[in-house]
Amino acid sequence: MRRWCLLAAAACVASPAAGQQASVRWQPLPATQSTPTQKAPAVQWQTDAKPARVSAGLRWEALPNPSPTSPNVAWQRLPPGAPDFMPMDPKVVAANVTLPPAPALQSLNRSIAFNDGTPGPDLAWKVPQGFRWSEQWFFDFSVLGANTRPPNSSFWAWNNGDAVGEVHLRVLQQKNWTFGVNATFRSVYQGSNYAGGSTGIGDGFATGFRLDYALSPSSGLALGAEQLIQYDSNNDTGRNLYLVGSKGWWLGGKQGQFPMLVGTAGFGTGRLGDNASVQFACTSSVAGITNVGANTSSPLCWSPIGSAAFLFNPNWSIFSEYNSQDWLAGLSLSANNGFPMRFSWGVLLGNAGTNYNYVGNDNLRWFFRASLGF
């Protein structure tokens, strides 16, 4: 459980004058530190409703149902003449509560992140997120893919499926915006055991960029491209340009308390805009997707894309996505053990070929994404 300290220039050692509001701010303490810093030596507190030591002028009280990304203490002024040290009364409702703000929502590739350093689970499989890139985590590596379903094949079998590798690097960041670059390699396997192993690892290499901006602590916009510049003829993942916006809503009754709902909507090209029933701004001067085997290409077209995710806590989420080619649903886990390790798995429910209706049990496919950040 995360601990917090209320730091006040004078309130921690002396009672404020009558009618005067103490100037305070919140600061997280290290996990091994159970008492406040030297700036507030007179303040100690605990969250199990046992008697707590209270500084002059302030009373500490536990908040119900604390979460890893929200505070677990509140404060109120003691009445005039009250003793400097008195037990905490959990029945007393704070009269003048000052809470730290809810953590700002940020992104780490397709995952959510929080500006307090907490990494979260995926919010989508292919659809990018509009939040500004994480302040703490600057690098992310992902492998994503899906199985195939030949006639009379098992749903659980890989069936010579397909996978792609992604690398994202944040290059610049300011208070509200970041700029980064990315690289994709079409081939993540070489060998004779599975289809697609005839090309070397790293073939189908392409690069792109991302520029994002935080509109508020819970919303943002992102403009980017993946596989924009392709360096060989083995790339058929599409030129995926996108413009998306994301917004998060805390549903726990207070800002910073889970569960949370996150929505993303925008437009994309390439694998984000191919075969869609709604397309616009098409151009044949640039290939949207190249079919390497057939030596053909499709025009670059823009299409609507979007995703919705429900976060139970900072570790688990469920999401649904429409990426113009597929309609899908998935589950994601963030290990949150010091490094942003995330894994998602889900089912492709519909596609452009079925007009996004349910494909049927015999045609269901599964997808995955495994990611590691630094």
Protein backbone atom coordinates (compact mmCIF):
# COMPACT_ATOMS: atom_id res chain seq x y z
CA MET A 1 0.00 0.00 0.00
CA ARG A 2 1.37 3.37 -0.95
CA ARG A 3 2.04 5.87 1.85
CA TRP A 4 1.80 9.64 1.63
CA CYS A 5 3.15 12.51 3.71
CA LEU A 6 1.57 15.92 4.17
CA LEU A 7 4.34 18.51 4.07
CA ALA A 8 3.63 21.97 5.43
CA ALA A 9 6.09 24.75 5.89
CA ALA A 10 4.89 25.55 9.43
CA ALA A 11 1.78 23.49 10.05
CA CYS A 12 3.72 20.36 10.97
CA VAL A 13 5.47 22.06 13.88
CA ALA A 14 3.18 24.90 14.88
CA SER A 15 -0.54 25.52 14.87
CA PRO A 16 -1.68 27.97 12.15
CA ALA A 17 -3.18 31.26 13.24
CA ALA A 18 -6.96 31.43 13.55
CA GLY A 19 -8.61 31.51 10.13
CA GLN A 20 -5.32 30.89 8.33
CA GLN A 21 -5.15 28.07 5.79
CA ALA A 22 -1.99 26.00 5.93
CA SER A 23 -0.03 25.73 2.69
CA VAL A 24 0.31 22.01 2.01
CA ARG A 25 1.32 19.55 -0.66
CA TRP A 26 1.42 15.77 -0.91
CA GLN A 27 4.50 13.69 -1.53
CA PRO A 28 4.87 9.88 -1.84
CA LEU A 29 7.22 8.22 0.63
CA PRO A 30 9.59 5.35 -0.25
CA ALA A 31 8.09 1.93 0.36
CA THR A 32 10.53 1.24 3.21
CA GLN A 33 9.93 4.55 4.98
CA SER A 34 7.12 4.57 7.54
CA THR A 35 7.60 8.07 8.91
CA PRO A 36 7.63 11.43 7.13
CA THR A 37 10.73 13.22 6.01
CA GLN A 38 12.78 15.57 8.16
CA LYS A 39 10.70 18.47 6.90
CA ALA A 40 7.81 17.17 9.01
CA PRO A 41 9.41 15.48 12.05
CA ALA A 42 6.36 15.96 14.29
CA VAL A 43 3.99 14.00 12.05
CA GLN A 44 3.45 10.26 12.18
CA TRP A 45 0.46 8.35 10.91
CA GLN A 46 -0.91 4.92 10.13
CA THR A 47 -3.92 3.61 8.21
CA ASP A 48 -5.33 0.82 10.41
CA ALA A 49 -7.55 3.12 12.52
CA LYS A 50 -5.36 2.70 15.61
CA PRO A 51 -4.40 5.81 17.62
CA ALA A 52 -2.19 8.01 15.52
CA ARG A 53 0.13 10.84 16.45
CA VAL A 54 -1.12 14.15 15.15
CA SER A 55 0.84 17.32 14.55
CA ALA A 56 -0.21 20.64 16.03
CA GLY A 57 -3.11 21.99 14.02
CA LEU A 58 -3.71 18.86 11.93
CA ARG A 59 -5.54 15.58 12.44
CA TRP A 60 -4.85 12.55 10.25
CA GLU A 61 -7.67 10.24 9.19
CA ALA A 62 -7.81 7.10 7.03
CA LEU A 63 -9.83 7.15 3.83
CA PRO A 64 -11.93 4.08 2.96
CA ASN A 65 -10.84 1.67 0.24
CA PRO A 66 -7.46 3.17 -0.69
CA SER A 67 -6.09 2.17 -4.09
CA PRO A 68 -2.49 2.00 -5.32
CA THR A 69 -2.85 5.23 -7.25
CA SER A 70 -4.86 7.27 -4.74
CA PRO A 71 -4.06 8.67 -1.28
CA ASN A 72 -5.00 6.80 1.86
CA VAL A 73 -5.03 9.70 4.30
CA ALA A 74 -6.86 13.02 4.61
CA TRP A 75 -6.42 15.87 7.07
CA GLN A 76 -8.50 18.39 8.95
CA ARG A 77 -7.76 21.27 11.34
CA LEU A 78 -8.11 20.54 15.04
CA PRO A 79 -10.55 22.73 16.96
CA PRO A 80 -9.04 25.61 18.93
CA GLY A 81 -7.56 24.47 22.22
CA ALA A 82 -7.28 20.83 21.22
CA PRO A 83 -4.16 19.02 22.45
CA ASP A 84 -1.24 18.71 20.10
CA PHE A 85 -1.37 14.92 20.19
CA MET A 86 -4.64 12.99 20.21
CA PRO A 87 -5.86 9.64 18.86
CA MET A 88 -7.33 9.47 15.40
CA ASP A 89 -11.10 9.20 15.37
CA PRO A 90 -12.18 7.34 12.19
CA LYS A 91 -15.79 8.47 12.74
CA VAL A 92 -14.95 12.14 12.32
CA VAL A 93 -15.41 13.39 8.77
CA ALA A 94 -12.67 15.74 7.64
CA ALA A 95 -13.92 19.29 7.49
CA ASN A 96 -11.25 20.62 5.19
CA VAL A 97 -9.77 17.79 3.14
CA THR A 98 -6.94 18.44 0.73
CA LEU A 99 -6.25 15.47 -1.54
CA PRO A 100 -3.46 15.01 -4.05
CA PRO A 101 -4.73 15.11 -7.63
CA ALA A 102 -5.57 11.89 -9.44
CA PRO A 103 -2.57 10.60 -11.39
CA ALA A 104 -2.48 11.91 -14.95
CA LEU A 105 -3.24 9.33 -17.62
CA GLN A 106 -0.42 8.57 -20.04
CA SER A 107 0.39 5.87 -22.58
CA LEU A 108 3.07 3.26 -23.14
CA ASN A 109 2.46 1.97 -26.65
CA ARG A 110 -1.01 0.35 -26.44
CA SER A 111 -0.95 0.35 -22.63
CA ILE A 112 -2.04 2.94 -20.12
CA ALA A 113 0.49 4.47 -17.74
CA PHE A 114 0.20 6.93 -14.86
CA ASN A 115 2.41 9.92 -14.15
CA ASP A 116 3.23 8.55 -10.69
CA GLY A 117 5.26 5.83 -12.47
CA THR A 118 2.67 3.06 -12.28
CA PRO A 119 2.46 1.04 -15.54
CA GLY A 120 -0.91 -0.34 -16.47
CA PRO A 121 -2.42 -2.97 -18.81
CA ASP A 122 -3.21 -2.72 -22.51
CA LEU A 123 -6.20 -0.71 -23.68
CA ALA A 124 -6.23 -2.13 -27.22
CA TRP A 125 -4.44 -4.54 -29.55
CA LYS A 126 -3.68 -2.47 -32.67
CA VAL A 127 -5.45 0.89 -32.10
CA PRO A 128 -2.96 3.45 -30.68
CA GLN A 129 -3.81 5.53 -27.60
CA GLY A 130 -4.08 9.33 -27.58
CA PHE A 131 -2.56 10.03 -24.15
CA ARG A 132 0.87 11.62 -24.01
CA TRP A 133 3.72 9.11 -23.68
CA SER A 134 4.81 8.06 -20.19
CA GLU A 135 7.10 10.46 -18.33
CA GLN A 136 9.02 7.60 -16.68
CA TRP A 137 9.12 4.85 -19.31
CA PHE A 138 10.87 5.89 -22.53
CA PHE A 139 11.22 2.56 -24.39
CA ASP A 140 8.84 -0.26 -25.27
CA PHE A 141 9.24 -3.53 -27.17
CA SER A 142 6.24 -5.59 -28.26
CA VAL A 143 5.51 -8.76 -30.19
CA LEU A 144 1.94 -9.09 -31.45
CA GLY A 145 0.29 -11.68 -33.62
CA ALA A 146 -2.69 -13.93 -34.29
CA ASN A 147 -3.26 -17.55 -35.27
CA THR A 148 -4.98 -18.70 -38.45
CA ARG A 149 -7.96 -21.02 -38.99
CA PRO A 150 -7.69 -23.34 -42.00
CA PRO A 151 -10.73 -25.58 -42.56
CA ASN A 152 -11.22 -28.18 -39.83
CA SER A 153 -8.42 -26.74 -37.71
CA SER A 154 -8.30 -26.31 -33.94
CA PHE A 155 -9.07 -22.94 -32.40
CA TRP A 156 -6.19 -23.31 -29.95
CA ALA A 157 -3.53 -24.28 -32.52
CA TRP A 158 -1.14 -21.67 -33.90
CA ASN A 159 -1.84 -23.01 -37.41
CA ASN A 160 1.13 -21.17 -38.91
CA GLY A 161 -0.09 -17.83 -37.60
CA ASP A 162 1.65 -14.50 -38.01
CA ALA A 163 3.51 -12.12 -35.68
CA VAL A 164 5.23 -8.73 -35.87
CA GLY A 165 7.79 -7.00 -33.67
CA GLU A 166 7.58 -3.32 -32.63
CA VAL A 167 10.06 -0.98 -30.95
CA HIS A 168 9.02 2.45 -29.64
CA LEU A 169 11.41 5.11 -28.32
CA ARG A 170 10.46 8.44 -26.74
CA VAL A 171 12.99 11.00 -28.01
CA LEU A 172 11.68 14.34 -26.67
CA GLN A 173 9.28 15.33 -23.94
CA GLN A 174 7.97 18.52 -22.43
CA LYS A 175 5.32 19.09 -19.78
CA ASN A 176 2.36 18.35 -22.03
CA TRP A 177 3.77 16.69 -25.15
CA THR A 178 6.23 14.08 -26.37
CA PHE A 179 7.80 13.04 -29.66
CA GLY A 180 9.02 9.55 -30.41
CA VAL A 181 10.10 7.20 -33.16
CA ASN A 182 9.21 3.58 -33.79
CA ALA A 183 10.45 0.65 -35.84
CA THR A 184 8.64 -2.49 -36.98
CA PHE A 185 10.08 -5.70 -38.33
CA ARG A 186 7.81 -8.06 -40.18
CA SER A 187 9.80 -11.23 -39.45
CA VAL A 188 10.24 -12.40 -35.85
CA TYR A 189 11.02 -16.04 -36.73
CA GLN A 190 13.42 -17.86 -39.03
CA GLY A 191 13.35 -21.61 -39.58
CA SER A 192 11.44 -24.48 -41.15
CA ASN A 193 9.06 -25.41 -38.33
CA TYR A 194 6.47 -22.73 -39.12
CA ALA A 195 5.29 -20.87 -42.19
CA GLY A 196 6.93 -17.52 -42.75
CA GLY A 197 10.34 -18.72 -41.59
CA SER A 198 11.99 -18.30 -44.97
CA THR A 199 12.83 -14.65 -44.32
CA GLY A 200 15.43 -13.62 -41.78
CA ILE A 201 14.62 -12.08 -38.42
CA GLY A 202 14.32 -8.34 -38.91
CA ASP A 203 13.16 -8.49 -42.54
CA GLY A 204 10.26 -6.24 -43.40
CA PHE A 205 11.91 -3.37 -41.53
CA ALA A 206 10.08 -0.03 -41.41
CA THR A 207 10.07 3.11 -39.27
CA GLY A 208 7.63 5.80 -38.18
CA PHE A 209 6.97 8.52 -35.62
CA ARG A 210 4.54 9.68 -32.92
CA LEU A 211 3.64 13.17 -31.66
CA ASP A 212 1.19 13.44 -28.77
CA TYR A 213 -0.24 16.13 -26.51
CA ALA A 214 -2.03 16.04 -23.13
CA LEU A 215 -5.26 18.06 -23.35
CA SER A 216 -5.91 17.48 -19.63
CA PRO A 217 -4.78 15.02 -16.95
CA SER A 218 -7.32 12.53 -18.32
CA SER A 219 -7.33 13.17 -22.08
CA GLY A 220 -4.99 13.63 -25.01
CA LEU A 221 -4.40 13.57 -28.77
CA ALA A 222 -1.82 11.67 -30.81
CA LEU A 223 -0.70 11.92 -34.43
CA GLY A 224 1.62 9.20 -35.66
CA ALA A 225 2.61 6.58 -38.20
CA GLU A 226 3.94 3.05 -38.09
CA GLN A 227 5.63 1.36 -41.09
CA LEU A 228 5.63 4.77 -42.80
CA ILE A 229 9.07 4.37 -44.39
CA GLN A 230 9.67 0.80 -45.58
CA TYR A 231 13.23 -0.33 -46.27
CA ASP A 232 12.75 -3.65 -48.10
CA SER A 233 10.19 -5.55 -50.14
CA ASN A 234 9.15 -7.95 -47.36
CA ASN A 235 6.86 -5.54 -45.53
CA ASP A 236 3.12 -6.14 -45.85
CA THR A 237 1.98 -4.73 -42.51
CA GLY A 238 0.67 -1.51 -44.08
CA ARG A 239 1.48 2.17 -43.71
CA ASN A 240 -0.45 2.82 -40.52
CA LEU A 241 -0.94 6.57 -40.11
CA TYR A 242 -3.31 7.62 -37.34
CA LEU A 243 -4.92 10.54 -35.55
CA VAL A 244 -6.64 9.52 -32.30
CA GLY A 245 -7.96 11.04 -29.09
CA SER A 246 -8.34 9.28 -25.72
CA LYS A 247 -10.30 10.09 -22.58
CA GLY A 248 -10.45 8.37 -19.20
CA TRP A 249 -13.18 8.40 -16.53
CA TRP A 250 -12.63 7.38 -12.90
CA LEU A 251 -15.65 5.37 -11.75
CA GLY A 252 -14.72 4.71 -8.12
CA GLY A 253 -16.61 7.67 -6.70
CA LYS A 254 -13.52 9.89 -6.38
CA GLN A 255 -10.81 11.00 -8.75
CA GLY A 256 -8.01 8.46 -8.71
CA GLN A 257 -10.15 5.52 -7.57
CA PHE A 258 -10.76 2.49 -9.75
CA PRO A 259 -12.51 1.13 -11.71
CA MET A 260 -11.86 3.25 -14.79
CA LEU A 261 -13.29 3.50 -18.28
CA VAL A 262 -11.10 4.64 -21.19
CA GLY A 263 -12.32 5.43 -24.70
CA THR A 264 -10.30 6.10 -27.85
CA ALA A 265 -11.57 7.24 -31.25
CA GLY A 266 -9.97 8.54 -34.42
CA PHE A 267 -8.89 7.67 -37.94
CA GLY A 268 -6.21 5.42 -39.41
CA THR A 269 -4.74 4.07 -42.66
CA GLY A 270 -2.98 0.89 -43.75
CA ARG A 271 -3.93 -2.02 -41.52
CA LEU A 272 -6.01 0.51 -39.59
CA GLY A 273 -7.94 1.56 -42.69
CA ASP A 274 -8.00 -1.37 -45.10
CA ASN A 275 -11.14 -3.25 -46.19
CA ALA A 276 -13.32 -0.99 -44.07
CA SER A 277 -16.92 -0.30 -45.06
CA VAL A 278 -16.25 3.42 -44.48
CA GLN A 279 -13.20 4.88 -46.27
CA PHE A 280 -12.25 8.38 -47.36
CA ALA A 281 -9.32 10.44 -48.68
CA CYS A 282 -7.98 7.48 -50.65
CA THR A 283 -4.87 7.89 -52.78
CA SER A 284 -3.16 5.47 -55.15
CA SER A 285 0.09 7.43 -55.17
CA VAL A 286 1.09 5.76 -51.88
CA ALA A 287 0.52 2.08 -51.13
CA GLY A 288 -1.61 1.47 -48.07
CA ILE A 289 -0.83 -2.27 -47.88
CA THR A 290 1.50 -4.30 -50.09
CA ASN A 291 0.72 -7.97 -50.72
CA VAL A 292 4.23 -9.37 -50.98
CA GLY A 293 3.20 -12.80 -52.24
CA ALA A 294 0.92 -11.50 -55.00
CA ASN A 295 3.08 -8.44 -55.75
CA THR A 296 0.04 -6.15 -55.49
CA SER A 297 -0.87 -3.18 -53.34
CA SER A 298 -4.00 -1.37 -52.21
CA PRO A 299 -4.52 2.42 -52.07
CA LEU A 300 -3.88 4.30 -48.87
CA CYS A 301 -7.28 5.11 -47.36
CA TRP A 302 -8.45 6.59 -44.08
CA SER A 303 -11.09 4.87 -41.94
CA PRO A 304 -12.61 5.32 -38.46
CA ILE A 305 -10.99 3.33 -35.64
CA GLY A 306 -11.65 3.10 -31.93
CA SER A 307 -11.39 1.12 -28.70
CA ALA A 308 -12.97 0.98 -25.25
CA ALA A 309 -11.36 -0.45 -22.12
CA PHE A 310 -12.51 -1.13 -18.57
CA LEU A 311 -9.79 -1.21 -15.90
CA PHE A 312 -10.61 -3.08 -12.71
CA ASN A 313 -7.36 -1.84 -11.12
CA PRO A 314 -3.84 -0.88 -12.31
CA ASN A 315 -3.13 -4.51 -13.24
CA TRP A 316 -6.18 -5.86 -15.10
CA SER A 317 -8.27 -4.62 -18.00
CA ILE A 318 -10.73 -5.87 -20.58
CA PHE A 319 -11.08 -4.11 -23.92
CA SER A 320 -12.84 -4.12 -27.26
CA GLU A 321 -11.47 -2.69 -30.48
CA TYR A 322 -12.50 -1.84 -34.03
CA ASN A 323 -9.50 -1.35 -36.30
CA SER A 324 -11.26 -1.37 -39.70
CA GLN A 325 -10.09 -4.92 -40.42
CA ASP A 326 -11.29 -6.62 -37.25
CA TRP A 327 -13.67 -6.34 -34.34
CA LEU A 328 -12.25 -8.03 -31.26
CA ALA A 329 -12.32 -8.37 -27.47
CA GLY A 330 -9.40 -9.04 -25.14
CA LEU A 331 -8.04 -9.28 -21.61
CA SER A 332 -4.77 -7.70 -20.44
CA LEU A 333 -2.50 -8.07 -17.42
CA SER A 334 0.25 -5.68 -16.25
CA ALA A 335 2.75 -7.51 -14.03
CA ASN A 336 3.78 -4.15 -12.46
CA ASN A 337 6.86 -5.64 -10.80
CA GLY A 338 9.35 -2.85 -11.36
CA PHE A 339 9.28 -2.97 -15.15
CA PRO A 340 6.22 -2.50 -17.37
CA MET A 341 5.59 -6.13 -18.38
CA ARG A 342 2.19 -6.58 -20.05
CA PHE A 343 0.43 -9.40 -21.81
CA SER A 344 -2.86 -9.39 -23.71
CA TRP A 345 -4.91 -12.21 -25.19
CA GLY A 346 -8.24 -12.14 -26.90
CA VAL A 347 -10.53 -13.31 -29.68
CA LEU A 348 -11.15 -11.87 -33.16
CA LEU A 349 -14.96 -11.84 -33.30
CA GLY A 350 -15.71 -10.25 -36.67
CA ASN A 351 -14.02 -8.74 -39.72
CA ALA A 352 -14.62 -6.81 -42.89
CA GLY A 353 -15.38 -10.05 -44.75
CA THR A 354 -18.40 -10.71 -42.52
CA ASN A 355 -19.39 -7.02 -42.40
CA TYR A 356 -18.20 -7.13 -38.78
CA ASN A 357 -20.81 -9.69 -37.82
CA TYR A 358 -19.84 -12.67 -35.68
CA VAL A 359 -17.59 -14.94 -37.72
CA GLY A 360 -18.95 -18.18 -36.21
CA ASN A 361 -17.34 -20.70 -33.92
CA ASP A 362 -15.43 -22.47 -36.71
CA ASN A 363 -13.76 -19.23 -37.81
CA LEU A 364 -12.84 -17.74 -34.43
CA ARG A 365 -9.19 -16.78 -34.08
CA TRP A 366 -7.13 -15.59 -31.12
CA PHE A 367 -4.55 -12.81 -30.86
CA PHE A 368 -1.86 -11.79 -28.39
CA ARG A 369 0.48 -8.94 -27.53
CA ALA A 370 3.48 -9.24 -25.18
CA SER A 371 5.30 -6.04 -24.18
CA LEU A 372 8.23 -4.92 -22.05
CA GLY A 373 9.12 -1.30 -21.29
CA PHE A 374 12.10 0.53 -19.78
